[in-house]
Amino acid sequence: MTSRTIRSAILSAAVLTALSCSKTQDTAPERRLFGDPPIIRSVAFEHTEGTSEVSGFGPKTFISCDFTEIVVRNICELGAPDLQPEAGGGWTYDGTTGTGSIGNNPTTDPGIFIQGTYGEAIFKVNVTDPNSTTAQNNLLLVGASYDPPDSKTETTLVLFDDGAFNKFKNSQANPTPGEDCEIAADGSCSCAGALWDVTSGDITAKDDLWTRKMAFVNSQTQPFLKDCVMRDRRSRRSIVRETWPPGPRGWSASAIRISASSPATAILAVAASCGPDRRPTRCATPCRD
């Protein structure tokens, strides 16, 4: 029994080695396991400026959100249903001292507005796969990876070509008050924690342009501003060190690694890899040239 088990294991390892370590370009088409590799045609990094997306990373992307209804309904929940906002100078928070001050330059519009800046990166990668068809896209994963400073863990952002179809629920960053408010028939108000529908930021589905919009904040960023970004930009946030961005390598394309893979890659990802095509970067057994 023991010798049969050992022979079976050796045979399996031999078959795996033969399957995983022959290069695609050196194999006849009818014997290929992986097919042709995906082609990364272009890579762009953008950020939001006004209502447009412009080239380059945005370490100081500006955003303004109208939170009037949320504040009014929270006060209504406390028993004051007739609150009427007025124009004013606003309140500016100082993250260094943890204090705020009233401004002396009144706004023209009444209301409560959340304004601030954050780091933003919109990754756009044009990827095609020679083996894809109109009925089935052979691409499994397109990712953008980076190493935050002083971190031993690589972060990979998954890109999508879904036309922002997929919705990823993200809880509000501010613990209280609740930002999902309703008015009952009797005029009373109730507010609970909000769930924001965050999307990839992709504009057009199935156009081979894979996209991911990310907001980069730090520990000093006010939770209301984080909620503002998730609600109005539909952008997921990632917490990074205050010095990154901009950091020593800040927002340079050379700090980002773009990769693309197919379903066959996933099947053999743990097993092996050889060659420059879409297979993983490590081999379980020695690779043949």
Protein backbone atom coordinates (compact mmCIF):
# COMPACT_ATOMS: atom_id res chain seq x y z
CA MET A 1 0.00 0.00 0.00
CA THR A 2 2.78 2.41 0.94
CA SER A 3 4.84 1.84 -2.21
CA ARG A 4 1.75 2.23 -4.41
CA THR A 5 0.95 5.56 -2.72
CA ILE A 6 4.51 6.78 -3.26
CA ARG A 7 4.49 5.73 -6.93
CA SER A 8 1.17 7.53 -7.41
CA ALA A 9 2.53 10.72 -5.85
CA ILE A 10 5.67 10.61 -8.02
CA LEU A 11 3.55 10.11 -11.15
CA SER A 12 1.31 13.05 -10.25
CA ALA A 13 4.32 15.29 -9.69
CA ALA A 14 5.81 14.28 -13.03
CA VAL A 15 2.57 15.02 -14.88
CA LEU A 16 2.26 18.38 -13.13
CA THR A 17 5.81 19.31 -14.06
CA ALA A 18 5.22 18.42 -17.69
CA LEU A 19 2.01 20.44 -17.84
CA SER A 20 3.22 23.51 -16.03
CA CYS A 21 6.75 24.06 -17.23
CA SER A 22 6.59 24.11 -21.03
CA LYS A 23 6.46 27.56 -22.50
CA THR A 24 3.36 28.52 -24.46
CA GLN A 25 5.31 29.97 -27.37
CA ASP A 26 7.33 26.73 -27.71
CA THR A 27 4.29 24.44 -27.87
CA ALA A 28 2.18 23.48 -30.86
CA PRO A 29 -1.29 25.16 -30.78
CA GLU A 30 -3.13 21.85 -30.42
CA ARG A 31 -1.06 20.94 -27.32
CA ARG A 32 -1.17 24.29 -25.54
CA LEU A 33 -2.53 24.36 -22.02
CA PHE A 34 -2.50 28.09 -21.44
CA GLY A 35 -3.30 29.56 -24.83
CA ASP A 36 -2.00 33.01 -25.82
CA PRO A 37 -1.09 35.54 -23.12
CA PRO A 38 -3.16 38.70 -22.55
CA ILE A 39 -1.80 41.92 -24.03
CA ILE A 40 -1.53 45.03 -21.83
CA ARG A 41 -1.81 47.77 -24.44
CA SER A 42 -1.82 50.89 -22.28
CA VAL A 43 -1.80 52.05 -18.66
CA ALA A 44 -3.14 55.39 -17.42
CA PHE A 45 -3.40 56.99 -14.00
CA GLU A 46 -5.98 59.75 -13.57
CA HIS A 47 -7.90 61.70 -10.93
CA THR A 48 -11.08 63.75 -10.69
CA GLU A 49 -10.96 67.47 -11.31
CA GLY A 50 -14.35 69.16 -11.24
CA THR A 51 -16.63 66.97 -13.34
CA SER A 52 -13.83 65.53 -15.49
CA GLU A 53 -11.11 62.92 -15.11
CA VAL A 54 -7.65 64.32 -15.90
CA SER A 55 -4.23 62.74 -16.27
CA GLY A 56 -2.01 62.00 -13.29
CA PHE A 57 -2.47 61.05 -9.66
CA GLY A 58 -4.38 63.50 -7.47
CA PRO A 59 -2.74 63.81 -4.02
CA LYS A 60 -4.95 66.84 -3.30
CA THR A 61 -8.24 66.07 -5.04
CA PHE A 62 -10.98 68.48 -3.90
CA ILE A 63 -14.50 67.40 -3.05
CA SER A 64 -17.61 69.15 -1.71
CA CYS A 65 -20.71 67.29 -0.49
CA ASP A 66 -24.11 68.61 0.54
CA PHE A 67 -24.90 67.01 3.91
CA THR A 68 -27.77 69.40 4.70
CA GLU A 69 -30.52 66.76 4.59
CA ILE A 70 -28.56 64.38 6.82
CA VAL A 71 -27.93 67.01 9.48
CA VAL A 72 -31.47 68.40 9.36
CA ARG A 73 -33.02 64.95 9.77
CA ASN A 74 -30.67 64.03 12.62
CA ILE A 75 -31.77 67.15 14.46
CA CYS A 76 -35.36 66.29 13.60
CA GLU A 77 -34.80 62.91 15.26
CA LEU A 78 -33.80 64.80 18.42
CA GLY A 79 -37.15 66.60 18.39
CA ALA A 80 -36.59 69.74 16.30
CA PRO A 81 -38.36 69.12 12.97
CA ASP A 82 -38.42 72.71 11.71
CA LEU A 83 -34.71 73.47 11.34
CA GLN A 84 -33.96 75.92 8.51
CA PRO A 85 -30.28 76.18 7.42
CA GLU A 86 -28.79 79.62 6.74
CA ALA A 87 -25.71 80.85 4.92
CA GLY A 88 -22.67 81.19 7.15
CA GLY A 89 -18.91 81.20 7.38
CA GLY A 90 -18.57 77.49 7.98
CA TRP A 91 -16.40 75.54 10.39
CA THR A 92 -12.85 74.49 9.50
CA TYR A 93 -11.23 71.55 11.26
CA ASP A 94 -7.49 71.57 12.06
CA GLY A 95 -6.26 67.99 12.07
CA THR A 96 -3.00 68.98 13.78
CA THR A 97 -4.56 70.55 16.86
CA GLY A 98 -7.85 68.65 16.77
CA THR A 99 -9.81 71.91 16.98
CA GLY A 100 -11.95 73.94 14.60
CA SER A 101 -12.79 77.57 13.90
CA ILE A 102 -15.67 79.56 12.42
CA GLY A 103 -14.85 81.24 9.13
CA ASN A 104 -15.57 84.92 8.39
CA ASN A 105 -16.39 84.49 4.71
CA PRO A 106 -20.08 83.48 4.53
CA THR A 107 -21.29 81.20 1.76
CA THR A 108 -23.99 82.34 -0.62
CA ASP A 109 -25.97 79.10 -0.33
CA PRO A 110 -27.58 78.01 2.94
CA GLY A 111 -26.83 74.48 4.08
CA ILE A 112 -24.26 72.16 5.57
CA PHE A 113 -21.43 71.23 3.22
CA ILE A 114 -18.53 68.86 3.75
CA GLN A 115 -15.42 70.01 1.88
CA GLY A 116 -11.85 68.82 1.82
CA THR A 117 -9.08 67.12 -0.14
CA TYR A 118 -7.92 63.51 -0.39
CA GLY A 119 -5.60 61.41 -2.51
CA GLU A 120 -7.22 59.85 -5.57
CA ALA A 121 -6.00 57.40 -8.18
CA ILE A 122 -8.06 56.09 -11.09
CA PHE A 123 -6.26 53.15 -12.63
CA LYS A 124 -7.15 52.52 -16.29
CA VAL A 125 -5.59 49.60 -18.12
CA ASN A 126 -6.38 48.58 -21.69
CA VAL A 127 -6.06 44.78 -21.83
CA THR A 128 -7.06 42.35 -24.56
CA ASP A 129 -6.85 38.57 -24.81
CA PRO A 130 -6.40 36.89 -28.21
CA ASN A 131 -8.49 33.91 -27.08
CA SER A 132 -11.49 35.93 -25.91
CA THR A 133 -14.71 35.99 -27.94
CA THR A 134 -17.79 38.19 -28.00
CA ALA A 135 -19.57 35.54 -25.94
CA GLN A 136 -16.84 34.98 -23.37
CA ASN A 137 -13.98 37.13 -22.08
CA ASN A 138 -11.01 34.92 -21.26
CA LEU A 139 -9.50 37.42 -18.82
CA LEU A 140 -9.83 36.42 -15.19
CA LEU A 141 -7.99 39.18 -13.34
CA VAL A 142 -6.45 42.57 -14.02
CA GLY A 143 -4.73 44.08 -11.01
CA ALA A 144 -2.64 47.05 -9.89
CA SER A 145 -0.21 46.24 -7.07
CA TYR A 146 1.93 48.48 -4.88
CA ASP A 147 4.02 48.27 -1.72
CA PRO A 148 3.14 50.93 0.88
CA PRO A 149 6.28 52.26 2.62
CA ASP A 150 7.32 50.45 5.81
CA SER A 151 4.97 47.60 4.94
CA LYS A 152 5.84 43.96 4.27
CA THR A 153 2.50 43.34 2.58
CA GLU A 154 1.80 44.05 -1.08
CA THR A 155 -1.60 45.56 -1.81
CA THR A 156 -3.38 44.57 -5.03
CA LEU A 157 -6.38 46.45 -6.37
CA VAL A 158 -8.67 44.45 -8.67
CA LEU A 159 -9.71 46.34 -11.82
CA PHE A 160 -13.08 45.86 -13.53
CA ASP A 161 -14.54 46.27 -17.02
CA ASP A 162 -18.14 46.29 -15.75
CA GLY A 163 -19.46 49.77 -16.50
CA ALA A 164 -19.78 50.29 -12.71
CA PHE A 165 -22.44 47.55 -12.66
CA ASN A 166 -21.17 45.81 -9.53
CA LYS A 167 -22.08 47.51 -6.27
CA PHE A 168 -19.95 46.94 -3.18
CA LYS A 169 -21.61 47.90 0.09
CA ASN A 170 -19.40 50.01 2.37
CA SER A 171 -20.54 51.09 5.82
CA GLN A 172 -20.31 54.76 6.71
CA ALA A 173 -16.95 55.69 8.22
CA ASN A 174 -18.41 58.00 10.87
CA PRO A 175 -19.79 55.83 13.71
CA THR A 176 -22.48 58.35 14.70
CA PRO A 177 -24.78 59.96 13.84
CA GLY A 178 -26.53 57.72 11.31
CA GLU A 179 -26.50 59.08 7.76
CA ASP A 180 -29.39 57.02 6.36
CA CYS A 181 -32.44 58.99 7.48
CA GLU A 182 -36.18 58.67 6.85
CA ILE A 183 -39.22 60.82 7.64
CA ALA A 184 -42.29 58.96 8.87
CA ALA A 185 -45.89 59.88 7.98
CA ASP A 186 -46.28 61.68 11.31
CA GLY A 187 -43.28 63.90 10.57
CA SER A 188 -40.89 62.15 12.95
CA CYS A 189 -37.40 61.24 11.77
CA SER A 190 -35.18 58.21 12.26
CA CYS A 191 -31.54 57.79 11.22
CA ALA A 192 -29.43 54.64 10.96
CA GLY A 193 -25.96 53.76 9.71
CA ALA A 194 -25.66 54.20 5.96
CA LEU A 195 -24.36 51.69 3.43
CA TRP A 196 -22.86 53.36 0.38
CA ASP A 197 -22.85 51.63 -3.03
CA VAL A 198 -19.20 51.82 -4.06
CA THR A 199 -18.32 50.94 -7.67
CA SER A 200 -15.19 50.37 -9.72
CA GLY A 201 -15.53 53.73 -11.47
CA ASP A 202 -15.52 52.02 -14.87
CA ILE A 203 -17.52 54.01 -17.43
CA THR A 204 -18.26 51.54 -20.25
CA ALA A 205 -18.61 47.78 -19.82
CA LYS A 206 -16.80 45.28 -22.07
CA ASP A 207 -14.68 47.86 -23.88
CA ASP A 208 -11.36 46.28 -22.75
CA LEU A 209 -10.60 49.27 -20.50
CA TRP A 210 -10.27 47.92 -16.96
CA THR A 211 -10.75 50.53 -14.25
CA ARG A 212 -10.51 51.03 -10.49
CA LYS A 213 -11.09 54.29 -8.64
CA MET A 214 -9.53 54.53 -5.18
CA ALA A 215 -9.45 57.23 -2.52
CA PHE A 216 -6.36 57.38 -0.32
CA VAL A 217 -6.81 58.92 3.13
CA ASN A 218 -4.91 58.83 6.42
CA SER A 219 -5.67 58.62 10.12
CA GLN A 220 -6.19 62.39 10.35
CA THR A 221 -8.94 62.46 7.71
CA GLN A 222 -12.31 63.31 9.22
CA PRO A 223 -14.84 60.43 8.99
CA PHE A 224 -17.45 62.77 7.47
CA LEU A 225 -15.04 63.49 4.60
CA LYS A 226 -14.52 59.74 4.07
CA ASP A 227 -18.29 59.31 3.86
CA CYS A 228 -18.46 62.24 1.47
CA VAL A 229 -16.01 60.50 -0.88
CA MET A 230 -17.83 57.15 -0.72
CA ARG A 231 -21.27 58.69 -1.21
CA ASP A 232 -20.58 61.22 -3.97
CA ARG A 233 -17.58 59.70 -5.78
CA ARG A 234 -18.67 56.08 -5.25
CA SER A 235 -15.04 55.46 -4.45
CA ARG A 236 -13.63 52.93 -2.02
CA ARG A 237 -11.09 54.32 0.43
CA SER A 238 -7.74 52.93 1.46
CA ILE A 239 -6.02 54.13 4.62
CA VAL A 240 -2.32 54.85 4.12
CA ARG A 241 0.43 56.56 6.06
CA GLU A 242 0.19 60.33 6.18
CA THR A 243 3.47 60.60 4.26
CA TRP A 244 2.11 58.45 1.43
CA PRO A 245 0.94 60.07 -0.72
CA PRO A 246 3.09 61.87 -1.71
CA GLY A 247 5.93 59.95 0.02
CA PRO A 248 9.39 59.20 -1.37
CA ARG A 249 7.97 57.28 -4.38
CA GLY A 250 4.69 59.16 -4.24
CA TRP A 251 2.30 58.72 -7.11
CA SER A 252 4.92 57.63 -9.63
CA ALA A 253 3.86 55.05 -12.17
CA SER A 254 7.07 53.12 -11.49
CA ALA A 255 5.74 52.24 -8.01
CA ILE A 256 2.74 50.40 -9.53
CA ARG A 257 2.80 46.91 -11.06
CA ILE A 258 0.08 45.99 -13.54
CA SER A 259 -0.78 42.34 -14.18
CA ALA A 260 -3.34 40.34 -16.14
CA SER A 261 -4.22 36.65 -16.00
CA SER A 262 -6.63 34.07 -17.38
CA PRO A 263 -8.69 31.22 -15.84
CA ALA A 264 -5.92 28.75 -16.66
CA THR A 265 -3.56 30.79 -14.50
CA ALA A 266 -5.83 30.45 -11.50
CA ILE A 267 -6.08 26.69 -11.88
CA LEU A 268 -2.29 26.25 -11.78
CA ALA A 269 -1.38 29.31 -9.68
CA VAL A 270 -0.15 27.22 -6.77
CA ALA A 271 1.45 24.58 -8.95
CA ALA A 272 3.97 26.25 -11.17
CA SER A 273 4.99 28.94 -13.56
CA CYS A 274 7.38 29.31 -16.43
CA GLY A 275 7.96 31.89 -19.11
CA PRO A 276 6.86 35.45 -19.72
CA ASP A 277 3.17 34.80 -20.36
CA ARG A 278 0.25 35.06 -17.96
CA ARG A 279 1.31 32.34 -15.56
CA PRO A 280 2.33 33.14 -11.95
CA THR A 281 5.84 34.28 -11.02
CA ARG A 282 6.95 31.16 -9.10
CA CYS A 283 7.61 27.55 -10.02
CA ALA A 284 6.95 24.60 -7.75
CA THR A 285 9.43 22.62 -9.84
CA PRO A 286 12.41 23.78 -11.95
CA CYS A 287 11.33 25.42 -15.19
CA ARG A 288 12.68 24.51 -18.59
CA ASP A 289 13.76 27.26 -20.95
